Amino acid sequence: MNFTALSFTDVLLLMLGAVLTENFIFSKFYGCCPFLGVSDKPDKAIGMGMAVTFVMTVSGAVTWAVYYLILLPLKLEYLRTVAFILIIAALVQVIEMFLRKFVPALYNSLGIYLPLITTNCAVLGAALVNIQKGYGFIPSVCYGFAAGRGFTLAITIFAGVRAKLEFADPPRAFKGFPMTLLAAGLLAMIFSGFSGISF
């Protein structure tokens, strides 16, 4: 196992980069389905962001362990995508049961988008990036957490923008979803300004 050696400072910069310069929504365009679907209200956006952050963090740890302790020794690396999807699906089921029991209002407001975390390419992307870049266990968990926080930041900011758009009076051709896509594009352009900063 050849891991990329990262100091504490490197891990902090990796996390900052995952939130800003490599934001999964605005830079990599992963996870756009829940981003557009759940960002209509700020409380739903924060709830979805917290759920995605939890799944990304825990899946970063579990997928790393499964890959390096099971798949790699058995020479089954080609099964990593399937294995990772199964792990993510199991984690989402745990979250779904928890929310249904303890936070039913959030569970009802997230609706169909909660099970869609299973197929959210941002969650799977974070797990695969950890393996492709050869991060160790701690950097993998930190990267998953930071990528989830970046997702939360993006969806929360966008929910605020969409709340303001309710009071806008755009031309008829831009009303509704076109205006939403235009706002998302403008936010992506703003976040691309961070790409000039090297971490």
N, C-alpha and C. Protein backbone atom coordinates (compact mmCIF):
# COMPACT_ATOMS: atom_id res chain seq x y z
N MET A 1 0.84 -1.18 0.00
CA MET A 1 0.00 0.00 0.00
C MET A 1 0.88 1.24 0.00
N ASN A 2 0.76 2.00 -1.05
CA ASN A 2 1.57 3.22 -1.19
C ASN A 2 0.68 4.43 -0.97
N PHE A 3 0.75 5.00 0.21
CA PHE A 3 -0.09 6.15 0.51
C PHE A 3 0.67 7.44 0.29
N THR A 4 -0.05 8.47 -0.17
CA THR A 4 0.53 9.79 -0.29
C THR A 4 0.78 10.34 1.12
N ALA A 5 2.04 10.70 1.40
CA ALA A 5 2.38 11.20 2.73
C ALA A 5 1.88 12.65 2.86
N LEU A 6 1.00 12.88 3.82
CA LEU A 6 0.43 14.20 4.03
C LEU A 6 0.67 14.65 5.47
N SER A 7 1.19 15.86 5.61
CA SER A 7 1.34 16.43 6.94
C SER A 7 0.01 17.01 7.40
N PHE A 8 -0.03 17.48 8.65
CA PHE A 8 -1.25 18.09 9.19
C PHE A 8 -1.65 19.29 8.34
N THR A 9 -0.67 20.11 7.96
CA THR A 9 -0.95 21.28 7.12
C THR A 9 -1.50 20.86 5.77
N ASP A 10 -0.93 19.79 5.19
CA ASP A 10 -1.41 19.29 3.90
C ASP A 10 -2.87 18.85 3.99
N VAL A 11 -3.22 18.20 5.10
CA VAL A 11 -4.60 17.73 5.28
C VAL A 11 -5.54 18.93 5.40
N LEU A 12 -5.12 19.96 6.15
CA LEU A 12 -5.95 21.16 6.26
C LEU A 12 -6.15 21.83 4.90
N LEU A 13 -5.07 21.91 4.11
CA LEU A 13 -5.18 22.51 2.78
C LEU A 13 -6.03 21.65 1.85
N LEU A 14 -5.92 20.34 2.01
CA LEU A 14 -6.76 19.42 1.24
C LEU A 14 -8.23 19.66 1.55
N MET A 15 -8.54 19.85 2.83
CA MET A 15 -9.92 20.10 3.24
C MET A 15 -10.42 21.45 2.73
N LEU A 16 -9.57 22.47 2.84
CA LEU A 16 -9.97 23.80 2.34
C LEU A 16 -10.20 23.76 0.83
N GLY A 17 -9.34 23.03 0.13
CA GLY A 17 -9.51 22.88 -1.32
C GLY A 17 -10.80 22.17 -1.67
N ALA A 18 -11.17 21.14 -0.87
CA ALA A 18 -12.40 20.39 -1.14
C ALA A 18 -13.64 21.27 -0.94
N VAL A 19 -13.55 22.25 -0.04
CA VAL A 19 -14.69 23.14 0.20
C VAL A 19 -14.78 24.22 -0.87
N LEU A 20 -13.64 24.81 -1.25
CA LEU A 20 -13.67 25.98 -2.14
C LEU A 20 -13.26 25.68 -3.57
N THR A 21 -11.99 25.35 -3.80
CA THR A 21 -11.50 25.25 -5.18
C THR A 21 -12.01 24.01 -5.90
N GLU A 22 -12.24 22.92 -5.17
CA GLU A 22 -12.73 21.69 -5.80
C GLU A 22 -14.12 21.36 -5.28
N ASN A 23 -14.93 22.38 -5.10
CA ASN A 23 -16.29 22.18 -4.61
C ASN A 23 -17.03 21.22 -5.54
N PHE A 24 -17.62 20.18 -4.95
CA PHE A 24 -18.24 19.14 -5.76
C PHE A 24 -19.39 19.65 -6.61
N ILE A 25 -20.09 20.67 -6.16
CA ILE A 25 -21.21 21.22 -6.93
C ILE A 25 -20.72 22.20 -7.99
N PHE A 26 -19.98 23.21 -7.57
CA PHE A 26 -19.66 24.32 -8.45
C PHE A 26 -18.40 24.11 -9.30
N SER A 27 -17.52 23.19 -8.92
CA SER A 27 -16.31 22.96 -9.71
C SER A 27 -16.36 21.64 -10.47
N LYS A 28 -16.85 20.59 -9.79
CA LYS A 28 -16.88 19.26 -10.42
C LYS A 28 -18.25 18.91 -10.97
N PHE A 29 -19.28 19.65 -10.55
CA PHE A 29 -20.66 19.42 -10.99
C PHE A 29 -21.16 18.02 -10.65
N TYR A 30 -20.77 17.51 -9.48
CA TYR A 30 -21.29 16.24 -8.95
C TYR A 30 -22.46 16.55 -8.02
N GLY A 31 -23.45 15.71 -8.02
CA GLY A 31 -24.56 15.85 -7.08
C GLY A 31 -25.54 16.95 -7.43
N CYS A 32 -25.71 17.22 -8.71
CA CYS A 32 -26.60 18.32 -9.12
C CYS A 32 -28.08 18.01 -8.92
N CYS A 33 -28.46 16.74 -8.91
CA CYS A 33 -29.88 16.39 -8.75
C CYS A 33 -30.42 16.85 -7.40
N PRO A 34 -29.81 16.44 -6.26
CA PRO A 34 -30.33 16.96 -4.99
C PRO A 34 -30.06 18.45 -4.82
N PHE A 35 -28.99 18.94 -5.45
CA PHE A 35 -28.68 20.37 -5.37
C PHE A 35 -29.82 21.21 -5.93
N LEU A 36 -30.35 20.81 -7.08
CA LEU A 36 -31.45 21.56 -7.70
C LEU A 36 -32.79 21.21 -7.08
N GLY A 37 -32.94 19.97 -6.60
CA GLY A 37 -34.23 19.53 -6.10
C GLY A 37 -34.56 19.95 -4.68
N VAL A 38 -33.54 20.05 -3.81
CA VAL A 38 -33.79 20.28 -2.39
C VAL A 38 -33.44 21.70 -1.97
N SER A 39 -32.94 22.50 -2.89
CA SER A 39 -32.47 23.84 -2.52
C SER A 39 -33.57 24.89 -2.57
N ASP A 40 -34.84 24.47 -2.60
CA ASP A 40 -35.91 25.46 -2.66
C ASP A 40 -36.18 26.12 -1.32
N LYS A 41 -35.78 25.45 -0.22
CA LYS A 41 -35.96 26.04 1.12
C LYS A 41 -34.66 25.85 1.91
N PRO A 42 -34.18 26.89 2.62
CA PRO A 42 -32.91 26.79 3.35
C PRO A 42 -32.87 25.67 4.39
N ASP A 43 -33.98 25.41 5.11
CA ASP A 43 -33.94 24.36 6.13
C ASP A 43 -33.80 22.98 5.50
N LYS A 44 -34.46 22.75 4.37
CA LYS A 44 -34.28 21.48 3.65
C LYS A 44 -32.86 21.35 3.13
N ALA A 45 -32.30 22.46 2.63
CA ALA A 45 -30.94 22.44 2.09
C ALA A 45 -29.93 22.09 3.18
N ILE A 46 -30.09 22.68 4.36
CA ILE A 46 -29.17 22.38 5.46
C ILE A 46 -29.32 20.93 5.90
N GLY A 47 -30.56 20.45 5.98
CA GLY A 47 -30.78 19.05 6.35
C GLY A 47 -30.14 18.09 5.35
N MET A 48 -30.33 18.36 4.06
CA MET A 48 -29.71 17.51 3.04
C MET A 48 -28.19 17.59 3.12
N GLY A 49 -27.67 18.80 3.33
CA GLY A 49 -26.22 18.98 3.45
C GLY A 49 -25.64 18.20 4.61
N MET A 50 -26.35 18.20 5.74
CA MET A 50 -25.86 17.45 6.91
C MET A 50 -25.89 15.95 6.63
N ALA A 51 -26.95 15.48 5.98
CA ALA A 51 -27.05 14.05 5.66
C ALA A 51 -25.95 13.64 4.69
N VAL A 52 -25.70 14.46 3.66
CA VAL A 52 -24.65 14.15 2.69
C VAL A 52 -23.27 14.19 3.35
N THR A 53 -23.05 15.16 4.24
CA THR A 53 -21.77 15.25 4.95
C THR A 53 -21.53 14.01 5.79
N PHE A 54 -22.57 13.57 6.50
CA PHE A 54 -22.43 12.36 7.32
C PHE A 54 -22.08 11.15 6.45
N VAL A 55 -22.82 10.97 5.35
CA VAL A 55 -22.59 9.82 4.48
C VAL A 55 -21.19 9.89 3.86
N MET A 56 -20.78 11.08 3.41
CA MET A 56 -19.45 11.22 2.80
C MET A 56 -18.33 10.92 3.80
N THR A 57 -18.50 11.39 5.03
CA THR A 57 -17.46 11.18 6.05
C THR A 57 -17.35 9.70 6.41
N VAL A 58 -18.48 9.09 6.73
CA VAL A 58 -18.45 7.68 7.14
C VAL A 58 -18.08 6.79 5.97
N SER A 59 -18.59 7.10 4.77
CA SER A 59 -18.25 6.27 3.62
C SER A 59 -16.77 6.40 3.27
N GLY A 60 -16.17 7.58 3.53
CA GLY A 60 -14.73 7.73 3.31
C GLY A 60 -13.94 6.75 4.16
N ALA A 61 -14.37 6.58 5.41
CA ALA A 61 -13.69 5.64 6.31
C ALA A 61 -13.95 4.19 5.91
N VAL A 62 -15.22 3.86 5.69
CA VAL A 62 -15.59 2.47 5.43
C VAL A 62 -15.08 1.99 4.07
N THR A 63 -15.22 2.83 3.05
CA THR A 63 -14.75 2.41 1.72
C THR A 63 -13.23 2.25 1.70
N TRP A 64 -12.52 3.12 2.43
CA TRP A 64 -11.05 2.98 2.51
C TRP A 64 -10.70 1.64 3.13
N ALA A 65 -11.36 1.31 4.24
CA ALA A 65 -11.07 0.05 4.93
C ALA A 65 -11.42 -1.16 4.05
N VAL A 66 -12.57 -1.11 3.40
CA VAL A 66 -12.98 -2.23 2.55
C VAL A 66 -12.01 -2.40 1.39
N TYR A 67 -11.59 -1.29 0.79
CA TYR A 67 -10.69 -1.40 -0.36
C TYR A 67 -9.32 -1.95 0.04
N TYR A 68 -8.73 -1.35 1.07
CA TYR A 68 -7.36 -1.74 1.42
C TYR A 68 -7.25 -3.00 2.27
N LEU A 69 -8.31 -3.37 2.99
CA LEU A 69 -8.24 -4.54 3.85
C LEU A 69 -8.92 -5.78 3.25
N ILE A 70 -9.80 -5.56 2.27
CA ILE A 70 -10.50 -6.71 1.68
C ILE A 70 -10.24 -6.82 0.18
N LEU A 71 -10.60 -5.79 -0.58
CA LEU A 71 -10.52 -5.89 -2.05
C LEU A 71 -9.08 -6.01 -2.55
N LEU A 72 -8.19 -5.18 -2.04
CA LEU A 72 -6.80 -5.19 -2.51
C LEU A 72 -6.08 -6.50 -2.18
N PRO A 73 -6.14 -7.00 -0.94
CA PRO A 73 -5.46 -8.27 -0.64
C PRO A 73 -6.01 -9.45 -1.45
N LEU A 74 -7.32 -9.41 -1.75
CA LEU A 74 -7.93 -10.50 -2.52
C LEU A 74 -7.86 -10.28 -4.03
N LYS A 75 -7.20 -9.19 -4.43
CA LYS A 75 -7.06 -8.82 -5.84
C LYS A 75 -8.43 -8.66 -6.53
N LEU A 76 -9.33 -8.00 -5.83
CA LEU A 76 -10.67 -7.73 -6.35
C LEU A 76 -10.90 -6.24 -6.53
N GLU A 77 -9.84 -5.51 -6.88
CA GLU A 77 -9.94 -4.05 -7.00
C GLU A 77 -11.00 -3.62 -8.01
N TYR A 78 -11.24 -4.45 -9.01
CA TYR A 78 -12.20 -4.09 -10.06
C TYR A 78 -13.64 -4.02 -9.52
N LEU A 79 -13.86 -4.54 -8.31
CA LEU A 79 -15.20 -4.49 -7.72
C LEU A 79 -15.41 -3.26 -6.83
N ARG A 80 -14.46 -2.33 -6.84
CA ARG A 80 -14.55 -1.23 -5.88
C ARG A 80 -15.79 -0.36 -6.09
N THR A 81 -16.16 -0.07 -7.33
CA THR A 81 -17.33 0.78 -7.56
C THR A 81 -18.60 0.12 -7.03
N VAL A 82 -18.77 -1.16 -7.32
CA VAL A 82 -19.95 -1.89 -6.84
C VAL A 82 -19.95 -1.95 -5.31
N ALA A 83 -18.80 -2.26 -4.73
CA ALA A 83 -18.69 -2.34 -3.27
C ALA A 83 -18.99 -0.99 -2.63
N PHE A 84 -18.46 0.08 -3.22
CA PHE A 84 -18.67 1.41 -2.66
C PHE A 84 -20.14 1.81 -2.72
N ILE A 85 -20.81 1.48 -3.81
CA ILE A 85 -22.24 1.80 -3.94
C ILE A 85 -23.05 1.05 -2.88
N LEU A 86 -22.71 -0.22 -2.63
CA LEU A 86 -23.41 -0.99 -1.60
C LEU A 86 -23.19 -0.39 -0.21
N ILE A 87 -21.96 0.05 0.07
CA ILE A 87 -21.66 0.66 1.36
C ILE A 87 -22.45 1.96 1.53
N ILE A 88 -22.45 2.78 0.49
CA ILE A 88 -23.18 4.06 0.55
C ILE A 88 -24.67 3.81 0.72
N ALA A 89 -25.22 2.81 0.02
CA ALA A 89 -26.64 2.49 0.14
C ALA A 89 -26.99 2.08 1.56
N ALA A 90 -26.12 1.28 2.19
CA ALA A 90 -26.36 0.86 3.57
C ALA A 90 -26.35 2.05 4.53
N LEU A 91 -25.41 2.97 4.33
CA LEU A 91 -25.33 4.16 5.18
C LEU A 91 -26.57 5.04 5.02
N VAL A 92 -27.04 5.18 3.80
CA VAL A 92 -28.23 5.99 3.56
C VAL A 92 -29.45 5.35 4.24
N GLN A 93 -29.53 4.03 4.23
CA GLN A 93 -30.63 3.35 4.91
C GLN A 93 -30.62 3.65 6.41
N VAL A 94 -29.42 3.67 7.00
CA VAL A 94 -29.29 3.98 8.43
C VAL A 94 -29.79 5.41 8.69
N ILE A 95 -29.36 6.36 7.85
CA ILE A 95 -29.79 7.75 8.02
C ILE A 95 -31.30 7.87 7.85
N GLU A 96 -31.83 7.18 6.86
CA GLU A 96 -33.27 7.24 6.59
C GLU A 96 -34.06 6.74 7.79
N MET A 97 -33.62 5.63 8.40
CA MET A 97 -34.32 5.09 9.57
C MET A 97 -34.20 6.05 10.75
N PHE A 98 -33.02 6.66 10.93
CA PHE A 98 -32.82 7.62 12.02
C PHE A 98 -33.74 8.82 11.87
N LEU A 99 -33.76 9.41 10.67
CA LEU A 99 -34.60 10.59 10.44
C LEU A 99 -36.08 10.27 10.57
N ARG A 100 -36.50 9.12 10.06
CA ARG A 100 -37.91 8.75 10.15
C ARG A 100 -38.34 8.62 11.61
N LYS A 101 -37.44 8.12 12.45
CA LYS A 101 -37.78 7.90 13.87
C LYS A 101 -37.67 9.18 14.70
N PHE A 102 -36.56 9.95 14.48
CA PHE A 102 -36.28 11.06 15.40
C PHE A 102 -36.54 12.45 14.82
N VAL A 103 -36.48 12.62 13.48
CA VAL A 103 -36.72 13.94 12.86
C VAL A 103 -37.70 13.76 11.70
N PRO A 104 -38.95 13.40 11.99
CA PRO A 104 -39.90 13.10 10.90
C PRO A 104 -40.19 14.29 10.00
N ALA A 105 -40.13 15.51 10.54
CA ALA A 105 -40.40 16.69 9.70
C ALA A 105 -39.35 16.81 8.61
N LEU A 106 -38.08 16.65 8.98
CA LEU A 106 -37.00 16.71 7.98
C LEU A 106 -37.10 15.53 7.02
N TYR A 107 -37.43 14.37 7.54
CA TYR A 107 -37.59 13.17 6.70
C TYR A 107 -38.66 13.41 5.64
N ASN A 108 -39.79 13.99 6.03
CA ASN A 108 -40.88 14.25 5.08
C ASN A 108 -40.51 15.35 4.08
N SER A 109 -39.77 16.37 4.53
CA SER A 109 -39.44 17.47 3.62
C SER A 109 -38.39 17.05 2.58
N LEU A 110 -37.48 16.12 2.98
CA LEU A 110 -36.47 15.67 2.01
C LEU A 110 -37.09 14.75 0.96
N GLY A 111 -38.11 14.01 1.34
CA GLY A 111 -38.86 13.20 0.40
C GLY A 111 -37.99 12.22 -0.37
N ILE A 112 -38.17 12.21 -1.68
CA ILE A 112 -37.47 11.26 -2.56
C ILE A 112 -35.97 11.51 -2.62
N TYR A 113 -35.55 12.73 -2.25
CA TYR A 113 -34.14 13.06 -2.41
C TYR A 113 -33.24 12.39 -1.38
N LEU A 114 -33.81 11.94 -0.27
CA LEU A 114 -33.00 11.23 0.72
C LEU A 114 -32.50 9.89 0.18
N PRO A 115 -33.36 9.04 -0.37
CA PRO A 115 -32.83 7.80 -0.97
C PRO A 115 -31.91 8.07 -2.15
N LEU A 116 -32.07 9.23 -2.79
CA LEU A 116 -31.20 9.54 -3.94
C LEU A 116 -29.76 9.82 -3.54
N ILE A 117 -29.49 9.99 -2.23
CA ILE A 117 -28.09 10.12 -1.80
C ILE A 117 -27.32 8.87 -2.20
N THR A 118 -28.02 7.73 -2.23
CA THR A 118 -27.38 6.47 -2.63
C THR A 118 -26.75 6.59 -4.00
N THR A 119 -27.43 7.26 -4.91
CA THR A 119 -26.91 7.39 -6.27
C THR A 119 -26.31 8.77 -6.51
N ASN A 120 -26.10 9.54 -5.45
CA ASN A 120 -25.49 10.86 -5.59
C ASN A 120 -24.03 10.68 -5.97
N CYS A 121 -23.67 11.14 -7.16
CA CYS A 121 -22.31 10.90 -7.64
C CYS A 121 -21.27 11.67 -6.82
N ALA A 122 -21.69 12.67 -6.04
CA ALA A 122 -20.74 13.39 -5.19
C ALA A 122 -20.23 12.46 -4.09
N VAL A 123 -21.11 11.65 -3.51
CA VAL A 123 -20.72 10.74 -2.43
C VAL A 123 -19.78 9.66 -2.98
N LEU A 124 -20.18 9.06 -4.09
CA LEU A 124 -19.33 8.05 -4.71
C LEU A 124 -18.02 8.67 -5.21
N GLY A 125 -18.10 9.88 -5.75
CA GLY A 125 -16.90 10.56 -6.24
C GLY A 125 -15.88 10.79 -5.15
N ALA A 126 -16.33 11.20 -3.96
CA ALA A 126 -15.40 11.43 -2.85
C ALA A 126 -14.69 10.14 -2.46
N ALA A 127 -15.43 9.04 -2.42
CA ALA A 127 -14.82 7.75 -2.07
C ALA A 127 -13.80 7.32 -3.12
N LEU A 128 -14.13 7.52 -4.39
CA LEU A 128 -13.21 7.12 -5.46
C LEU A 128 -11.97 8.01 -5.52
N VAL A 129 -12.14 9.31 -5.26
CA VAL A 129 -10.99 10.23 -5.25
C VAL A 129 -9.99 9.81 -4.19
N ASN A 130 -10.49 9.40 -3.01
CA ASN A 130 -9.59 8.95 -1.94
C ASN A 130 -8.70 7.80 -2.39
N ILE A 131 -9.28 6.86 -3.12
CA ILE A 131 -8.53 5.69 -3.58
C ILE A 131 -7.59 6.09 -4.72
N GLN A 132 -8.10 6.86 -5.68
CA GLN A 132 -7.29 7.24 -6.84
C GLN A 132 -6.07 8.06 -6.45
N LYS A 133 -6.23 8.94 -5.45
CA LYS A 133 -5.11 9.79 -5.04
C LYS A 133 -4.24 9.14 -3.97
N GLY A 134 -4.61 7.96 -3.52
CA GLY A 134 -3.79 7.22 -2.56
C GLY A 134 -3.73 7.85 -1.18
N TYR A 135 -4.83 8.45 -0.74
CA TYR A 135 -4.85 9.04 0.60
C TYR A 135 -4.88 7.95 1.65
N GLY A 136 -4.28 8.23 2.79
CA GLY A 136 -4.36 7.33 3.94
C GLY A 136 -5.72 7.42 4.59
N PHE A 137 -5.88 6.72 5.71
CA PHE A 137 -7.19 6.65 6.36
C PHE A 137 -7.66 8.02 6.84
N ILE A 138 -6.83 8.72 7.62
CA ILE A 138 -7.22 10.02 8.18
C ILE A 138 -7.49 11.04 7.08
N PRO A 139 -6.59 11.20 6.08
CA PRO A 139 -6.92 12.13 4.99
C PRO A 139 -8.19 11.77 4.24
N SER A 140 -8.49 10.47 4.11
CA SER A 140 -9.72 10.05 3.42
C SER A 140 -10.96 10.50 4.17
N VAL A 141 -10.93 10.32 5.48
CA VAL A 141 -12.06 10.75 6.31
C VAL A 141 -12.19 12.27 6.28
N CYS A 142 -11.06 12.96 6.40
CA CYS A 142 -11.07 14.43 6.38
C CYS A 142 -11.56 14.96 5.04
N TYR A 143 -11.13 14.32 3.95
CA TYR A 143 -11.55 14.76 2.61
C TYR A 143 -13.06 14.55 2.44
N GLY A 144 -13.57 13.39 2.90
CA GLY A 144 -15.01 13.14 2.82
C GLY A 144 -15.81 14.17 3.60
N PHE A 145 -15.32 14.50 4.82
CA PHE A 145 -16.01 15.50 5.64
C PHE A 145 -15.99 16.86 4.95
N ALA A 146 -14.81 17.27 4.46
CA ALA A 146 -14.69 18.59 3.83
C ALA A 146 -15.51 18.67 2.54
N ALA A 147 -15.51 17.60 1.75
CA ALA A 147 -16.32 17.60 0.52
C ALA A 147 -17.80 17.73 0.86
N GLY A 148 -18.22 17.07 1.94
CA GLY A 148 -19.60 17.20 2.40
C GLY A 148 -19.92 18.61 2.87
N ARG A 149 -18.97 19.24 3.56
CA ARG A 149 -19.17 20.63 4.01
C ARG A 149 -19.23 21.56 2.79
N GLY A 150 -18.43 21.27 1.78
CA GLY A 150 -18.50 22.07 0.55
C GLY A 150 -19.85 21.92 -0.14
N PHE A 151 -20.37 20.70 -0.15
CA PHE A 151 -21.70 20.46 -0.70
C PHE A 151 -22.75 21.24 0.09
N THR A 152 -22.63 21.20 1.43
CA THR A 152 -23.58 21.92 2.30
C THR A 152 -23.50 23.42 2.06
N LEU A 153 -22.28 23.93 1.95
CA LEU A 153 -22.09 25.36 1.68
C LEU A 153 -22.77 25.75 0.37
N ALA A 154 -22.53 24.96 -0.66
CA ALA A 154 -23.09 25.27 -1.98
C ALA A 154 -24.62 25.24 -1.97
N ILE A 155 -25.19 24.19 -1.39
CA ILE A 155 -26.65 24.04 -1.43
C ILE A 155 -27.33 25.08 -0.53
N THR A 156 -26.67 25.46 0.57
CA THR A 156 -27.25 26.46 1.47
C THR A 156 -27.21 27.85 0.84
N ILE A 157 -26.08 28.20 0.23
CA ILE A 157 -25.99 29.50 -0.46
C ILE A 157 -27.04 29.57 -1.56
N PHE A 158 -27.16 28.47 -2.31
CA PHE A 158 -28.11 28.45 -3.42
C PHE A 158 -29.55 28.54 -2.93
N ALA A 159 -29.84 27.92 -1.77
CA ALA A 159 -31.18 28.01 -1.21
C ALA A 159 -31.51 29.46 -0.84
N GLY A 160 -30.51 30.19 -0.32
CA GLY A 160 -30.71 31.60 -0.02
C GLY A 160 -30.97 32.43 -1.26
N VAL A 161 -30.22 32.11 -2.32
CA VAL A 161 -30.42 32.82 -3.60
C VAL A 161 -31.82 32.53 -4.14
N ARG A 162 -32.24 31.27 -4.07
CA ARG A 162 -33.57 30.92 -4.58
C ARG A 162 -34.68 31.57 -3.76
N ALA A 163 -34.44 31.73 -2.46
CA ALA A 163 -35.43 32.42 -1.63
C ALA A 163 -35.58 33.87 -2.07
N LYS A 164 -34.46 34.51 -2.43
CA LYS A 164 -34.52 35.90 -2.92
C LYS A 164 -35.18 35.97 -4.29
N LEU A 165 -34.98 34.93 -5.11
CA LEU A 165 -35.56 34.93 -6.45
C LEU A 165 -37.09 34.88 -6.42
N GLU A 166 -37.65 34.43 -5.30
CA GLU A 166 -39.12 34.40 -5.17
C GLU A 166 -39.70 35.80 -5.32
N PHE A 167 -38.91 36.82 -4.94
CA PHE A 167 -39.39 38.20 -4.99
C PHE A 167 -38.97 38.92 -6.28
N ALA A 168 -38.25 38.22 -7.15
CA ALA A 168 -37.79 38.83 -8.40
C ALA A 168 -38.91 38.79 -9.44
N ASP A 169 -38.79 39.68 -10.41
CA ASP A 169 -39.76 39.70 -11.50
C ASP A 169 -39.00 39.66 -12.83
N PRO A 170 -38.46 38.47 -13.18
CA PRO A 170 -37.69 38.36 -14.41
C PRO A 170 -38.62 38.33 -15.63
N PRO A 171 -38.06 38.47 -16.83
CA PRO A 171 -38.89 38.29 -18.05
C PRO A 171 -39.53 36.90 -18.05
N ARG A 172 -40.64 36.77 -18.73
CA ARG A 172 -41.42 35.53 -18.69
C ARG A 172 -40.60 34.31 -19.12
N ALA A 173 -39.71 34.49 -20.06
CA ALA A 173 -38.89 33.37 -20.54
C ALA A 173 -37.94 32.83 -19.47
N PHE A 174 -37.62 33.65 -18.47
CA PHE A 174 -36.68 33.25 -17.43
C PHE A 174 -37.37 32.80 -16.15
N LYS A 175 -38.68 32.87 -16.08
CA LYS A 175 -39.39 32.52 -14.84
C LYS A 175 -39.28 31.03 -14.57
N GLY A 176 -39.17 30.69 -13.28
CA GLY A 176 -39.12 29.29 -12.89
C GLY A 176 -37.74 28.68 -13.00
N PHE A 177 -37.69 27.49 -13.61
CA PHE A 177 -36.45 26.72 -13.66
C PHE A 177 -35.33 27.40 -14.45
N PRO A 178 -35.61 28.10 -15.57
CA PRO A 178 -34.52 28.79 -16.27
C PRO A 178 -33.77 29.78 -15.38
N MET A 179 -34.51 30.52 -14.55
CA MET A 179 -33.88 31.47 -13.64
C MET A 179 -33.04 30.73 -12.60
N THR A 180 -33.52 29.57 -12.16
CA THR A 180 -32.77 28.76 -11.19
C THR A 180 -31.44 28.32 -11.79
N LEU A 181 -31.47 27.84 -13.04
CA LEU A 181 -30.24 27.41 -13.70
C LEU A 181 -29.28 28.57 -13.93
N LEU A 182 -29.82 29.72 -14.28
CA LEU A 182 -28.99 30.91 -14.48
C LEU A 182 -28.30 31.30 -13.18
N ALA A 183 -29.04 31.28 -12.07
CA ALA A 183 -28.46 31.60 -10.76
C ALA A 183 -27.37 30.60 -10.39
N ALA A 184 -27.61 29.30 -10.67
CA ALA A 184 -26.61 28.28 -10.37
C ALA A 184 -25.34 28.51 -11.19
N GLY A 185 -25.51 28.88 -12.46
CA GLY A 185 -24.35 29.17 -13.31
C GLY A 185 -23.55 30.35 -12.81
N LEU A 186 -24.23 31.39 -12.35
CA LEU A 186 -23.53 32.56 -11.82
C LEU A 186 -22.77 32.21 -10.54
N LEU A 187 -23.37 31.39 -9.69
CA LEU A 187 -22.67 30.97 -8.47
C LEU A 187 -21.44 30.11 -8.81
N ALA A 188 -21.57 29.26 -9.82
CA ALA A 188 -20.42 28.45 -10.25
C ALA A 188 -19.30 29.35 -10.76
N MET A 189 -19.66 30.41 -11.47
CA MET A 189 -18.63 31.35 -11.95
C MET A 189 -17.95 32.05 -10.78
N ILE A 190 -18.71 32.38 -9.74
CA ILE A 190 -18.13 33.02 -8.57
C ILE A 190 -17.16 32.06 -7.89
N PHE A 191 -17.55 30.81 -7.73
CA PHE A 191 -16.67 29.84 -7.09
C PHE A 191 -15.45 29.54 -7.93
N SER A 192 -15.55 29.71 -9.25
CA SER A 192 -14.37 29.45 -10.09
C SER A 192 -13.26 30.47 -9.82
N GLY A 193 -13.60 31.58 -9.17
CA GLY A 193 -12.59 32.55 -8.78
C GLY A 193 -11.61 31.99 -7.77
N PHE A 194 -12.05 30.96 -6.98
CA PHE A 194 -11.14 30.35 -6.04
C PHE A 194 -10.10 29.46 -6.71
N SER A 195 -10.33 29.08 -7.96
CA SER A 195 -9.40 28.17 -8.63
C SER A 195 -8.05 28.82 -8.89
N GLY A 196 -7.99 30.14 -8.83
CA GLY A 196 -6.70 30.81 -8.98
C GLY A 196 -5.84 30.71 -7.74
N ILE A 197 -6.44 30.27 -6.63
CA ILE A 197 -5.70 30.12 -5.37
C ILE A 197 -5.18 28.69 -5.33
N SER A 198 -3.89 28.52 -5.18
CA SER A 198 -3.34 27.16 -5.14
C SER A 198 -3.15 26.75 -3.70
N PHE A 199 -3.71 25.57 -3.36
CA PHE A 199 -3.59 25.03 -2.01
C PHE A 199 -2.57 23.91 -2.03
